[in-house]
Protein backbone atom coordinates (compact mmCIF):
# COMPACT_ATOMS: atom_id res chain seq x y z
CA MET A 1 9.69 30.73 86.59
CA VAL A 2 9.94 29.84 82.92
CA ARG A 3 10.29 26.21 81.90
CA GLN A 4 12.01 25.25 78.69
CA ILE A 5 10.12 22.85 76.42
CA ILE A 6 12.27 20.47 74.41
CA PHE A 7 10.75 18.16 71.80
CA HIS A 8 12.16 14.67 71.23
CA GLY A 9 12.90 14.07 67.57
CA ASN A 10 10.26 15.37 65.17
CA TYR A 11 7.35 13.47 66.73
CA PHE A 12 5.61 16.51 68.17
CA ILE A 13 6.39 18.77 65.19
CA ASP A 14 4.97 16.19 62.75
CA PHE A 15 1.83 15.86 64.92
CA TYR A 16 1.48 19.65 65.26
CA LYS A 17 1.79 20.31 61.51
CA GLU A 18 -1.28 18.16 60.85
CA LEU A 19 -3.55 20.01 63.29
CA ASP A 20 -6.31 22.46 62.43
CA LEU A 21 -5.41 26.15 62.99
CA LYS A 22 -7.77 26.49 65.99
CA VAL A 23 -6.30 23.38 67.62
CA LYS A 24 -2.78 24.73 67.05
CA GLU A 25 -3.76 27.92 68.88
CA LYS A 26 -5.06 25.93 71.82
CA VAL A 27 -1.90 23.76 71.90
CA LYS A 28 0.24 26.93 71.97
CA TYR A 29 -1.88 28.32 74.81
CA VAL A 30 -1.50 25.17 76.92
CA LEU A 31 2.25 24.92 76.27
CA GLU A 32 2.65 28.56 77.34
CA LEU A 33 0.76 27.76 80.55
CA ILE A 34 3.13 24.88 81.23
CA LYS A 35 6.14 27.10 80.57
CA GLN A 36 5.05 29.97 82.80
CA VAL A 37 2.70 28.78 85.55
CA ASP A 38 4.06 27.19 88.71
CA ARG A 39 1.00 24.99 89.27
CA VAL A 40 -0.60 24.01 85.97
CA PRO A 41 -4.27 23.00 86.41
CA GLU A 42 -4.84 19.23 86.13
CA LYS A 43 -7.32 19.97 83.37
CA PHE A 44 -4.28 20.63 81.16
CA LEU A 45 -1.47 18.59 82.75
CA SER A 46 -1.79 15.50 84.91
CA PRO A 47 0.42 12.58 85.94
CA ILE A 48 -0.23 9.22 84.31
CA THR A 49 -1.09 6.64 86.96
CA GLY A 50 1.37 3.78 87.16
CA TYR A 51 4.10 5.56 85.18
CA ASP A 52 6.29 7.51 87.59
CA GLY A 53 7.42 10.79 86.03
CA LEU A 54 5.24 10.59 82.91
CA PHE A 55 2.59 13.26 82.36
CA GLU A 56 -0.23 13.86 79.93
CA VAL A 57 -0.95 17.26 78.39
CA ARG A 58 -4.66 17.36 77.48
CA ILE A 59 -6.08 19.72 74.92
CA GLU A 60 -9.82 19.64 74.36
CA TYR A 61 -11.28 21.22 71.27
CA GLN A 62 -14.86 20.73 70.16
CA SER A 63 -15.53 17.00 70.69
CA ASN A 64 -11.88 15.93 70.40
CA ILE A 65 -9.22 15.42 73.04
CA TYR A 66 -5.58 15.69 71.98
CA ARG A 67 -2.94 14.16 74.22
CA ILE A 68 0.76 14.92 74.38
CA PHE A 69 2.98 12.88 76.67
CA CYS A 70 5.82 14.59 78.54
CA CYS A 71 8.20 14.37 81.47
CA PHE A 72 10.09 16.91 83.54
CA ASP A 73 13.84 17.10 83.90
CA GLU A 74 14.87 18.60 87.25
CA GLU A 75 11.57 20.47 87.64
CA ASN A 76 11.84 21.87 84.08
């Protein structure tokens, strides 16, 4: 299974451009996990309580936590 990741507007791209190189590498790693793994560990992707269908992608690097919000369209 390979999921397709679609970004809304330029919000993610603008955010991504500002990141440190090491953080960018970690973001790429986590997005690849989401694309290719059937059951992504909750450490990286978890539902947001109280918001049906909204998920949080969590990337931890050093003492920072970066969050990207996402949803799935027909399991993709």
